[in-house]
Amino acid sequence: MVLSTNPEVEAVLQILGTVKDPEIDTVSIVDLGMVEKIETENNNVTVTLLPTFLGCPALEIIRENTRKAVSELPDVGEVTVDFIYSPPWTSDRVTEQGRAGLKEFGIAAPPRHIEEDGSWHVDCPYCESTYVTMENIFGPTACRSILYCKNCKTPFEAMKPVSTLM
C-alpha cells in the first residue's frame, strides 16, 4: 500500500480515489487496496496495482481508467500502469471506506476472520442479520459468492476472503 508524504505521489493517490471498480461503482481501486506503488520521475508516473484475482476480466478496463485519471493531472507526461502478482492482494487490504462502499452496493465485505477449518461468515449487507446461508461459493465473478439472508429473505453476494494464511 502507498504511504507517502511526496506531494506528487499524494496527488496521484488522490486522483486514483476516483477510479472505481468497473463492476462496483461505490468502491475505488484505492479502497479495494489495489494500489501497491506510485512512482514519479520527471513528469512521468508509474502506478503499480495488485489485481484482486488472477484472470480478472476487468483488469484492462482498470488499467485504462487509471491511465486516463492520472493523465488528467497537470504537468503529467507518460503514465504507465503495471499489474504485479507478488505480493498477492489479500482481502485485508480493503479499507473501511471500501467495506462501506461494498455494503452500499449490496455486497458483504470480506470477513475479517477465517475459521481454522477455512469456513467464514459475513452478515447480511441489507439488514445486518447473522442468519445467513451460503447458497453457492461461486458467484457472478471469481471474487464473489452468493449467500441468502433468512432474516430479510434477500439473496446477496459476498466478497470472498483471500489471505496468504489460507
N, C-alpha and C. Protein backbone atom coordinates (compact mmCIF):
# COMPACT_ATOMS: atom_id res chain seq x y z
N MET A 1 0.84 -1.18 0.00
CA MET A 1 0.00 0.00 0.00
C MET A 1 0.88 1.24 0.00
N VAL A 2 0.35 2.29 -0.57
CA VAL A 2 1.11 3.51 -0.73
C VAL A 2 0.97 4.39 0.51
N LEU A 3 2.09 4.69 1.11
CA LEU A 3 2.14 5.67 2.20
C LEU A 3 3.24 6.63 1.82
N SER A 4 2.88 7.90 1.63
CA SER A 4 3.88 8.84 1.16
C SER A 4 3.56 10.25 1.64
N THR A 5 4.61 11.04 1.77
CA THR A 5 4.42 12.47 2.04
C THR A 5 4.84 13.28 0.82
N ASN A 6 5.22 12.60 -0.26
CA ASN A 6 5.59 13.26 -1.51
C ASN A 6 4.32 13.85 -2.12
N PRO A 7 4.28 15.19 -2.35
CA PRO A 7 3.05 15.80 -2.88
C PRO A 7 2.63 15.25 -4.24
N GLU A 8 3.60 14.91 -5.10
CA GLU A 8 3.25 14.35 -6.41
C GLU A 8 2.57 13.00 -6.24
N VAL A 9 3.11 12.18 -5.38
CA VAL A 9 2.52 10.86 -5.13
C VAL A 9 1.16 11.02 -4.48
N GLU A 10 1.05 11.96 -3.56
CA GLU A 10 -0.24 12.20 -2.90
C GLU A 10 -1.30 12.65 -3.90
N ALA A 11 -0.91 13.48 -4.87
CA ALA A 11 -1.86 13.94 -5.90
C ALA A 11 -2.33 12.76 -6.75
N VAL A 12 -1.41 11.88 -7.09
CA VAL A 12 -1.77 10.69 -7.89
C VAL A 12 -2.70 9.80 -7.07
N LEU A 13 -2.35 9.58 -5.81
CA LEU A 13 -3.18 8.73 -4.96
C LEU A 13 -4.59 9.31 -4.82
N GLN A 14 -4.66 10.63 -4.69
CA GLN A 14 -5.97 11.27 -4.55
C GLN A 14 -6.82 11.08 -5.82
N ILE A 15 -6.21 11.24 -7.00
CA ILE A 15 -6.98 11.06 -8.24
C ILE A 15 -7.34 9.58 -8.43
N LEU A 16 -6.51 8.67 -7.94
CA LEU A 16 -6.85 7.24 -8.05
C LEU A 16 -8.06 6.90 -7.20
N GLY A 17 -8.35 7.74 -6.21
CA GLY A 17 -9.56 7.54 -5.41
C GLY A 17 -10.83 7.73 -6.21
N THR A 18 -10.69 8.29 -7.41
CA THR A 18 -11.87 8.48 -8.28
C THR A 18 -12.02 7.32 -9.28
N VAL A 19 -11.03 6.44 -9.34
CA VAL A 19 -11.09 5.30 -10.27
C VAL A 19 -11.85 4.18 -9.58
N LYS A 20 -13.03 3.90 -10.08
CA LYS A 20 -13.90 2.90 -9.46
C LYS A 20 -13.69 1.52 -10.07
N ASP A 21 -14.02 0.51 -9.28
CA ASP A 21 -14.09 -0.84 -9.82
C ASP A 21 -15.15 -0.82 -10.91
N PRO A 22 -14.85 -1.34 -12.10
CA PRO A 22 -15.83 -1.27 -13.20
C PRO A 22 -17.17 -1.95 -12.90
N GLU A 23 -17.15 -2.91 -11.98
CA GLU A 23 -18.39 -3.62 -11.67
C GLU A 23 -19.07 -3.11 -10.40
N ILE A 24 -18.33 -2.38 -9.57
CA ILE A 24 -18.86 -1.89 -8.29
C ILE A 24 -18.53 -0.41 -8.20
N ASP A 25 -19.46 0.43 -8.62
CA ASP A 25 -19.16 1.85 -8.73
C ASP A 25 -19.17 2.61 -7.40
N THR A 26 -19.28 1.90 -6.30
CA THR A 26 -19.22 2.55 -4.99
C THR A 26 -17.86 2.34 -4.30
N VAL A 27 -16.94 1.68 -5.01
CA VAL A 27 -15.64 1.38 -4.41
C VAL A 27 -14.52 1.73 -5.39
N SER A 28 -13.53 2.47 -4.89
CA SER A 28 -12.39 2.82 -5.74
C SER A 28 -11.31 1.75 -5.64
N ILE A 29 -10.38 1.81 -6.59
CA ILE A 29 -9.26 0.87 -6.56
C ILE A 29 -8.38 1.13 -5.34
N VAL A 30 -8.39 2.36 -4.84
CA VAL A 30 -7.63 2.67 -3.61
C VAL A 30 -8.28 1.95 -2.44
N ASP A 31 -9.61 2.05 -2.34
CA ASP A 31 -10.32 1.43 -1.22
C ASP A 31 -10.36 -0.09 -1.31
N LEU A 32 -10.16 -0.63 -2.50
CA LEU A 32 -10.03 -2.08 -2.62
C LEU A 32 -8.62 -2.55 -2.24
N GLY A 33 -7.72 -1.59 -2.05
CA GLY A 33 -6.35 -1.95 -1.68
C GLY A 33 -5.54 -2.43 -2.86
N MET A 34 -5.91 -2.02 -4.06
CA MET A 34 -5.20 -2.48 -5.26
C MET A 34 -3.94 -1.68 -5.55
N VAL A 35 -3.82 -0.47 -5.01
CA VAL A 35 -2.67 0.38 -5.33
C VAL A 35 -1.49 -0.03 -4.45
N GLU A 36 -0.48 -0.59 -5.07
CA GLU A 36 0.70 -1.04 -4.35
C GLU A 36 1.80 0.01 -4.33
N LYS A 37 2.00 0.69 -5.47
CA LYS A 37 3.12 1.62 -5.54
C LYS A 37 2.84 2.71 -6.58
N ILE A 38 3.30 3.91 -6.26
CA ILE A 38 3.25 5.03 -7.20
C ILE A 38 4.64 5.62 -7.27
N GLU A 39 5.16 5.71 -8.48
CA GLU A 39 6.50 6.29 -8.66
C GLU A 39 6.39 7.45 -9.64
N THR A 40 7.13 8.50 -9.33
CA THR A 40 7.19 9.64 -10.24
C THR A 40 8.65 9.92 -10.55
N GLU A 41 8.88 10.20 -11.82
CA GLU A 41 10.23 10.57 -12.25
C GLU A 41 10.08 11.57 -13.38
N ASN A 42 10.68 12.74 -13.17
CA ASN A 42 10.44 13.87 -14.07
C ASN A 42 8.93 14.11 -14.10
N ASN A 43 8.29 14.06 -15.23
CA ASN A 43 6.83 14.23 -15.28
C ASN A 43 6.10 12.91 -15.51
N ASN A 44 6.82 11.83 -15.51
CA ASN A 44 6.23 10.53 -15.79
C ASN A 44 5.80 9.82 -14.50
N VAL A 45 4.70 9.08 -14.60
CA VAL A 45 4.14 8.40 -13.44
C VAL A 45 3.98 6.91 -13.76
N THR A 46 4.39 6.07 -12.82
CA THR A 46 4.14 4.63 -12.91
C THR A 46 3.30 4.22 -11.72
N VAL A 47 2.16 3.60 -12.01
CA VAL A 47 1.27 3.10 -10.96
C VAL A 47 1.33 1.58 -11.01
N THR A 48 1.60 0.97 -9.88
CA THR A 48 1.65 -0.48 -9.78
C THR A 48 0.44 -0.96 -8.98
N LEU A 49 -0.33 -1.84 -9.60
CA LEU A 49 -1.57 -2.32 -9.00
C LEU A 49 -1.50 -3.82 -8.74
N LEU A 50 -2.22 -4.24 -7.71
CA LEU A 50 -2.37 -5.67 -7.41
C LEU A 50 -3.78 -6.09 -7.81
N PRO A 51 -3.93 -7.02 -8.74
CA PRO A 51 -5.28 -7.50 -9.08
C PRO A 51 -5.87 -8.26 -7.90
N THR A 52 -7.17 -8.13 -7.72
CA THR A 52 -7.82 -8.84 -6.62
C THR A 52 -7.88 -10.34 -6.89
N PHE A 53 -7.92 -10.71 -8.18
CA PHE A 53 -7.91 -12.13 -8.56
C PHE A 53 -7.15 -12.28 -9.86
N LEU A 54 -6.44 -13.38 -9.99
CA LEU A 54 -5.78 -13.67 -11.26
C LEU A 54 -6.85 -13.85 -12.33
N GLY A 55 -6.62 -13.34 -13.47
CA GLY A 55 -7.55 -13.53 -14.57
C GLY A 55 -8.79 -12.67 -14.49
N CYS A 56 -8.79 -11.67 -13.63
CA CYS A 56 -9.95 -10.78 -13.54
C CYS A 56 -10.18 -10.13 -14.91
N PRO A 57 -11.39 -10.25 -15.47
CA PRO A 57 -11.62 -9.69 -16.80
C PRO A 57 -11.65 -8.17 -16.84
N ALA A 58 -11.69 -7.54 -15.68
CA ALA A 58 -11.78 -6.08 -15.64
C ALA A 58 -10.41 -5.39 -15.62
N LEU A 59 -9.34 -6.16 -15.63
CA LEU A 59 -8.02 -5.54 -15.46
C LEU A 59 -7.68 -4.51 -16.54
N GLU A 60 -7.99 -4.81 -17.78
CA GLU A 60 -7.66 -3.84 -18.84
C GLU A 60 -8.50 -2.58 -18.72
N ILE A 61 -9.73 -2.71 -18.26
CA ILE A 61 -10.57 -1.52 -18.04
C ILE A 61 -9.98 -0.70 -16.89
N ILE A 62 -9.57 -1.37 -15.83
CA ILE A 62 -8.97 -0.68 -14.69
C ILE A 62 -7.67 0.01 -15.12
N ARG A 63 -6.87 -0.68 -15.91
CA ARG A 63 -5.62 -0.08 -16.39
C ARG A 63 -5.90 1.22 -17.18
N GLU A 64 -6.86 1.15 -18.10
CA GLU A 64 -7.16 2.31 -18.93
C GLU A 64 -7.78 3.44 -18.10
N ASN A 65 -8.68 3.11 -17.19
CA ASN A 65 -9.29 4.14 -16.34
C ASN A 65 -8.25 4.80 -15.43
N THR A 66 -7.30 4.00 -14.96
CA THR A 66 -6.22 4.53 -14.12
C THR A 66 -5.34 5.47 -14.94
N ARG A 67 -4.97 5.02 -16.14
CA ARG A 67 -4.12 5.84 -17.01
C ARG A 67 -4.80 7.17 -17.34
N LYS A 68 -6.09 7.11 -17.68
CA LYS A 68 -6.83 8.34 -18.02
C LYS A 68 -6.90 9.28 -16.83
N ALA A 69 -7.19 8.76 -15.64
CA ALA A 69 -7.33 9.61 -14.46
C ALA A 69 -6.02 10.31 -14.13
N VAL A 70 -4.92 9.57 -14.14
CA VAL A 70 -3.62 10.17 -13.80
C VAL A 70 -3.20 11.17 -14.88
N SER A 71 -3.53 10.90 -16.13
CA SER A 71 -3.17 11.80 -17.23
C SER A 71 -3.87 13.14 -17.10
N GLU A 72 -4.98 13.20 -16.36
CA GLU A 72 -5.71 14.46 -16.18
C GLU A 72 -5.00 15.41 -15.20
N LEU A 73 -4.05 14.89 -14.43
CA LEU A 73 -3.31 15.76 -13.52
C LEU A 73 -2.44 16.72 -14.32
N PRO A 74 -2.28 17.96 -13.84
CA PRO A 74 -1.44 18.91 -14.59
C PRO A 74 0.02 18.47 -14.62
N ASP A 75 0.66 18.75 -15.72
CA ASP A 75 2.09 18.51 -15.91
C ASP A 75 2.51 17.04 -15.86
N VAL A 76 1.57 16.13 -16.07
CA VAL A 76 1.93 14.71 -16.10
C VAL A 76 2.25 14.31 -17.53
N GLY A 77 3.38 13.63 -17.71
CA GLY A 77 3.79 13.15 -19.02
C GLY A 77 3.23 11.77 -19.27
N GLU A 78 4.11 10.82 -19.43
CA GLU A 78 3.71 9.44 -19.71
C GLU A 78 3.20 8.76 -18.44
N VAL A 79 2.13 8.00 -18.59
CA VAL A 79 1.57 7.25 -17.45
C VAL A 79 1.64 5.76 -17.79
N THR A 80 2.27 5.00 -16.90
CA THR A 80 2.38 3.55 -17.07
C THR A 80 1.63 2.90 -15.92
N VAL A 81 0.82 1.90 -16.25
CA VAL A 81 0.09 1.15 -15.22
C VAL A 81 0.48 -0.31 -15.37
N ASP A 82 1.08 -0.84 -14.31
CA ASP A 82 1.51 -2.24 -14.31
C ASP A 82 0.71 -3.02 -13.27
N PHE A 83 0.49 -4.30 -13.56
CA PHE A 83 -0.09 -5.22 -12.58
C PHE A 83 1.01 -6.17 -12.13
N ILE A 84 1.08 -6.39 -10.83
CA ILE A 84 2.04 -7.37 -10.30
C ILE A 84 1.25 -8.38 -9.46
N TYR A 85 1.85 -9.51 -9.23
CA TYR A 85 1.16 -10.58 -8.50
C TYR A 85 1.88 -10.96 -7.22
N SER A 86 2.96 -10.28 -6.93
CA SER A 86 3.69 -10.51 -5.69
C SER A 86 4.13 -9.16 -5.15
N PRO A 87 3.67 -8.79 -3.96
CA PRO A 87 2.90 -9.60 -3.03
C PRO A 87 1.48 -9.81 -3.57
N PRO A 88 0.84 -10.88 -3.16
CA PRO A 88 -0.53 -11.08 -3.62
C PRO A 88 -1.49 -10.13 -2.91
N TRP A 89 -2.54 -9.74 -3.62
CA TRP A 89 -3.60 -8.96 -2.99
C TRP A 89 -4.30 -9.86 -1.97
N THR A 90 -4.64 -9.30 -0.81
CA THR A 90 -5.42 -10.03 0.18
C THR A 90 -6.60 -9.16 0.59
N SER A 91 -7.66 -9.80 1.05
CA SER A 91 -8.88 -9.06 1.34
C SER A 91 -8.73 -8.13 2.55
N ASP A 92 -7.68 -8.30 3.35
CA ASP A 92 -7.49 -7.36 4.45
C ASP A 92 -6.97 -6.00 3.97
N ARG A 93 -6.69 -5.87 2.68
CA ARG A 93 -6.28 -4.58 2.12
C ARG A 93 -7.48 -3.65 1.86
N VAL A 94 -8.69 -4.19 1.90
CA VAL A 94 -9.89 -3.37 1.69
C VAL A 94 -10.03 -2.41 2.87
N THR A 95 -10.14 -1.12 2.58
CA THR A 95 -10.23 -0.10 3.64
C THR A 95 -11.63 -0.09 4.25
N GLU A 96 -11.77 0.64 5.35
CA GLU A 96 -13.09 0.80 5.96
C GLU A 96 -14.05 1.47 4.97
N GLN A 97 -13.56 2.45 4.23
CA GLN A 97 -14.40 3.11 3.21
C GLN A 97 -14.77 2.11 2.12
N GLY A 98 -13.86 1.24 1.78
CA GLY A 98 -14.15 0.20 0.80
C GLY A 98 -15.21 -0.77 1.30
N ARG A 99 -15.11 -1.14 2.57
CA ARG A 99 -16.10 -2.04 3.16
C ARG A 99 -17.48 -1.38 3.14
N ALA A 100 -17.51 -0.08 3.45
CA ALA A 100 -18.79 0.65 3.42
C ALA A 100 -19.33 0.74 1.99
N GLY A 101 -18.44 0.96 1.02
CA GLY A 101 -18.85 1.03 -0.38
C GLY A 101 -19.40 -0.29 -0.88
N LEU A 102 -18.79 -1.39 -0.46
CA LEU A 102 -19.30 -2.71 -0.85
C LEU A 102 -20.71 -2.91 -0.28
N LYS A 103 -20.88 -2.56 0.98
CA LYS A 103 -22.19 -2.71 1.63
C LYS A 103 -23.23 -1.85 0.92
N GLU A 104 -22.86 -0.62 0.59
CA GLU A 104 -23.78 0.28 -0.12
C GLU A 104 -24.24 -0.33 -1.44
N PHE A 105 -23.34 -1.09 -2.07
CA PHE A 105 -23.66 -1.73 -3.35
C PHE A 105 -24.45 -3.03 -3.16
N GLY A 106 -24.54 -3.50 -1.90
CA GLY A 106 -25.27 -4.73 -1.62
C GLY A 106 -24.39 -5.96 -1.58
N ILE A 107 -23.10 -5.74 -1.41
CA ILE A 107 -22.14 -6.85 -1.33
C ILE A 107 -21.54 -6.85 0.07
N ALA A 108 -21.58 -8.00 0.72
CA ALA A 108 -20.94 -8.11 2.04
C ALA A 108 -19.43 -8.05 1.85
N ALA A 109 -18.79 -7.24 2.69
CA ALA A 109 -17.33 -7.14 2.65
C ALA A 109 -16.72 -8.47 3.06
N PRO A 110 -15.48 -8.72 2.64
CA PRO A 110 -14.85 -9.98 3.04
C PRO A 110 -14.76 -10.06 4.56
N PRO A 111 -14.90 -11.27 5.09
CA PRO A 111 -14.84 -11.41 6.55
C PRO A 111 -13.45 -11.06 7.07
N ARG A 112 -13.43 -10.60 8.30
CA ARG A 112 -12.15 -10.25 8.91
C ARG A 112 -11.48 -11.48 9.54
N HIS A 113 -12.27 -12.53 9.74
CA HIS A 113 -11.75 -13.70 10.42
C HIS A 113 -12.13 -14.97 9.64
N ILE A 114 -11.19 -15.87 9.50
CA ILE A 114 -11.43 -17.15 8.85
C ILE A 114 -11.18 -18.23 9.90
N GLU A 115 -12.15 -19.15 10.02
CA GLU A 115 -12.01 -20.24 11.00
C GLU A 115 -10.86 -21.16 10.61
N GLU A 116 -10.40 -21.94 11.58
CA GLU A 116 -9.29 -22.86 11.32
C GLU A 116 -9.61 -23.86 10.22
N ASP A 117 -10.90 -24.19 10.08
CA ASP A 117 -11.29 -25.15 9.04
C ASP A 117 -11.50 -24.48 7.68
N GLY A 118 -11.22 -23.18 7.59
CA GLY A 118 -11.36 -22.45 6.33
C GLY A 118 -12.73 -21.83 6.12
N SER A 119 -13.68 -22.11 7.02
CA SER A 119 -15.01 -21.53 6.86
C SER A 119 -14.99 -20.06 7.28
N TRP A 120 -15.96 -19.34 6.82
CA TRP A 120 -16.05 -17.92 7.14
C TRP A 120 -17.51 -17.50 7.19
N HIS A 121 -17.75 -16.35 7.79
CA HIS A 121 -19.10 -15.86 7.95
C HIS A 121 -19.14 -14.35 7.68
N VAL A 122 -20.21 -13.91 7.03
CA VAL A 122 -20.46 -12.48 6.86
C VAL A 122 -21.90 -12.22 7.25
N ASP A 123 -22.18 -10.98 7.60
CA ASP A 123 -23.55 -10.57 7.91
C ASP A 123 -24.23 -10.05 6.65
N CYS A 124 -25.54 -10.06 6.66
CA CYS A 124 -26.31 -9.55 5.52
C CYS A 124 -26.03 -8.05 5.35
N PRO A 125 -25.69 -7.62 4.13
CA PRO A 125 -25.41 -6.19 3.92
C PRO A 125 -26.67 -5.33 3.95
N TYR A 126 -27.84 -5.95 3.90
CA TYR A 126 -29.08 -5.18 3.89
C TYR A 126 -29.66 -4.98 5.30
N CYS A 127 -29.74 -6.08 6.08
CA CYS A 127 -30.35 -5.96 7.42
C CYS A 127 -29.36 -6.26 8.55
N GLU A 128 -28.12 -6.61 8.19
CA GLU A 128 -27.05 -6.90 9.13
C GLU A 128 -27.31 -8.14 9.98
N SER A 129 -28.27 -8.97 9.57
CA SER A 129 -28.53 -10.21 10.29
C SER A 129 -27.35 -11.17 10.14
N THR A 130 -27.14 -11.96 11.17
CA THR A 130 -26.13 -13.01 11.09
C THR A 130 -26.74 -14.31 10.59
N TYR A 131 -28.06 -14.31 10.38
CA TYR A 131 -28.79 -15.52 9.99
C TYR A 131 -28.74 -15.67 8.46
N VAL A 132 -27.58 -16.04 7.96
CA VAL A 132 -27.36 -16.15 6.52
C VAL A 132 -26.83 -17.53 6.19
N THR A 133 -27.05 -17.96 4.96
CA THR A 133 -26.53 -19.24 4.50
C THR A 133 -25.80 -19.05 3.18
N MET A 134 -24.81 -19.90 2.96
CA MET A 134 -24.08 -19.90 1.69
C MET A 134 -24.92 -20.66 0.67
N GLU A 135 -25.27 -19.99 -0.40
CA GLU A 135 -26.03 -20.64 -1.48
C GLU A 135 -25.10 -21.24 -2.52
N ASN A 136 -24.03 -20.51 -2.83
CA ASN A 136 -23.07 -21.02 -3.81
C ASN A 136 -21.75 -20.30 -3.62
N ILE A 137 -20.70 -21.06 -3.42
CA ILE A 137 -19.37 -20.46 -3.26
C ILE A 137 -18.95 -19.72 -4.52
N PHE A 138 -19.51 -20.12 -5.66
CA PHE A 138 -19.19 -19.48 -6.94
C PHE A 138 -20.24 -18.42 -7.26
N GLY A 139 -19.81 -17.18 -7.32
CA GLY A 139 -20.71 -16.08 -7.63
C GLY A 139 -20.57 -15.64 -9.07
N PRO A 140 -21.08 -14.45 -9.38
CA PRO A 140 -21.02 -13.95 -10.76
C PRO A 140 -19.60 -13.63 -11.22
N THR A 141 -18.69 -13.45 -10.26
CA THR A 141 -17.28 -13.26 -10.59
C THR A 141 -16.47 -14.16 -9.68
N ALA A 142 -15.20 -14.33 -10.01
CA ALA A 142 -14.35 -15.24 -9.23
C ALA A 142 -14.15 -14.77 -7.80
N CYS A 143 -14.34 -13.48 -7.56
CA CYS A 143 -14.07 -12.94 -6.21
C CYS A 143 -15.31 -12.88 -5.33
N ARG A 144 -16.45 -13.37 -5.81
CA ARG A 144 -17.67 -13.26 -5.00
C ARG A 144 -18.41 -14.59 -4.89
N SER A 145 -19.15 -14.74 -3.78
CA SER A 145 -20.02 -15.89 -3.54
C SER A 145 -21.46 -15.38 -3.40
N ILE A 146 -22.40 -16.33 -3.48
CA ILE A 146 -23.82 -15.97 -3.34
C ILE A 146 -24.33 -16.53 -2.02
N LEU A 147 -24.93 -15.66 -1.22
CA LEU A 147 -25.48 -16.05 0.07
C LEU A 147 -26.95 -15.65 0.12
N TYR A 148 -27.65 -16.11 1.17
CA TYR A 148 -29.06 -15.80 1.34
C TYR A 148 -29.31 -15.42 2.79
N CYS A 149 -30.01 -14.32 3.00
CA CYS A 149 -30.34 -13.88 4.35
C CYS A 149 -31.71 -14.46 4.70
N LYS A 150 -31.74 -15.29 5.74
CA LYS A 150 -33.00 -15.90 6.15
C LYS A 150 -33.83 -14.94 6.98
N ASN A 151 -33.25 -13.83 7.40
CA ASN A 151 -34.00 -12.83 8.16
C ASN A 151 -34.82 -11.94 7.23
N CYS A 152 -34.16 -11.29 6.25
CA CYS A 152 -34.88 -10.37 5.36
C CYS A 152 -35.23 -11.03 4.02
N LYS A 153 -34.91 -12.32 3.89
CA LYS A 153 -35.27 -13.11 2.70
C LYS A 153 -34.68 -12.51 1.42
N THR A 154 -33.44 -12.06 1.51
CA THR A 154 -32.80 -11.42 0.38
C THR A 154 -31.52 -12.17 0.00
N PRO A 155 -31.39 -12.55 -1.26
CA PRO A 155 -30.09 -13.09 -1.70
C PRO A 155 -29.09 -11.94 -1.83
N PHE A 156 -27.85 -12.22 -1.58
CA PHE A 156 -26.82 -11.20 -1.73
C PHE A 156 -25.48 -11.85 -2.06
N GLU A 157 -24.55 -11.03 -2.46
CA GLU A 157 -23.20 -11.50 -2.77
C GLU A 157 -22.26 -11.10 -1.65
N ALA A 158 -21.21 -11.87 -1.49
CA ALA A 158 -20.16 -11.54 -0.54
C ALA A 158 -18.82 -11.65 -1.24
N MET A 159 -17.95 -10.72 -0.93
CA MET A 159 -16.60 -10.79 -1.46
C MET A 159 -15.86 -11.88 -0.70
N LYS A 160 -15.26 -12.80 -1.42
CA LYS A 160 -14.58 -13.92 -0.77
C LYS A 160 -13.35 -13.45 -0.02
N PRO A 161 -13.07 -14.12 1.09
CA PRO A 161 -11.82 -13.79 1.80
C PRO A 161 -10.63 -14.34 1.03
N VAL A 162 -9.59 -13.57 0.96
CA VAL A 162 -8.34 -14.01 0.36
C VAL A 162 -7.24 -13.65 1.33
N SER A 163 -6.52 -14.65 1.74
CA SER A 163 -5.46 -14.44 2.72
C SER A 163 -4.24 -15.23 2.31
N THR A 164 -3.10 -14.75 2.72
CA THR A 164 -1.87 -15.52 2.48
C THR A 164 -1.74 -16.64 3.50
N LEU A 165 -2.62 -16.65 4.51
CA LEU A 165 -2.57 -17.68 5.54
C LEU A 165 -3.43 -18.87 5.22
N MET A 166 -4.20 -18.82 4.13
CA MET A 166 -5.11 -19.92 3.79
C MET A 166 -4.35 -21.10 3.25
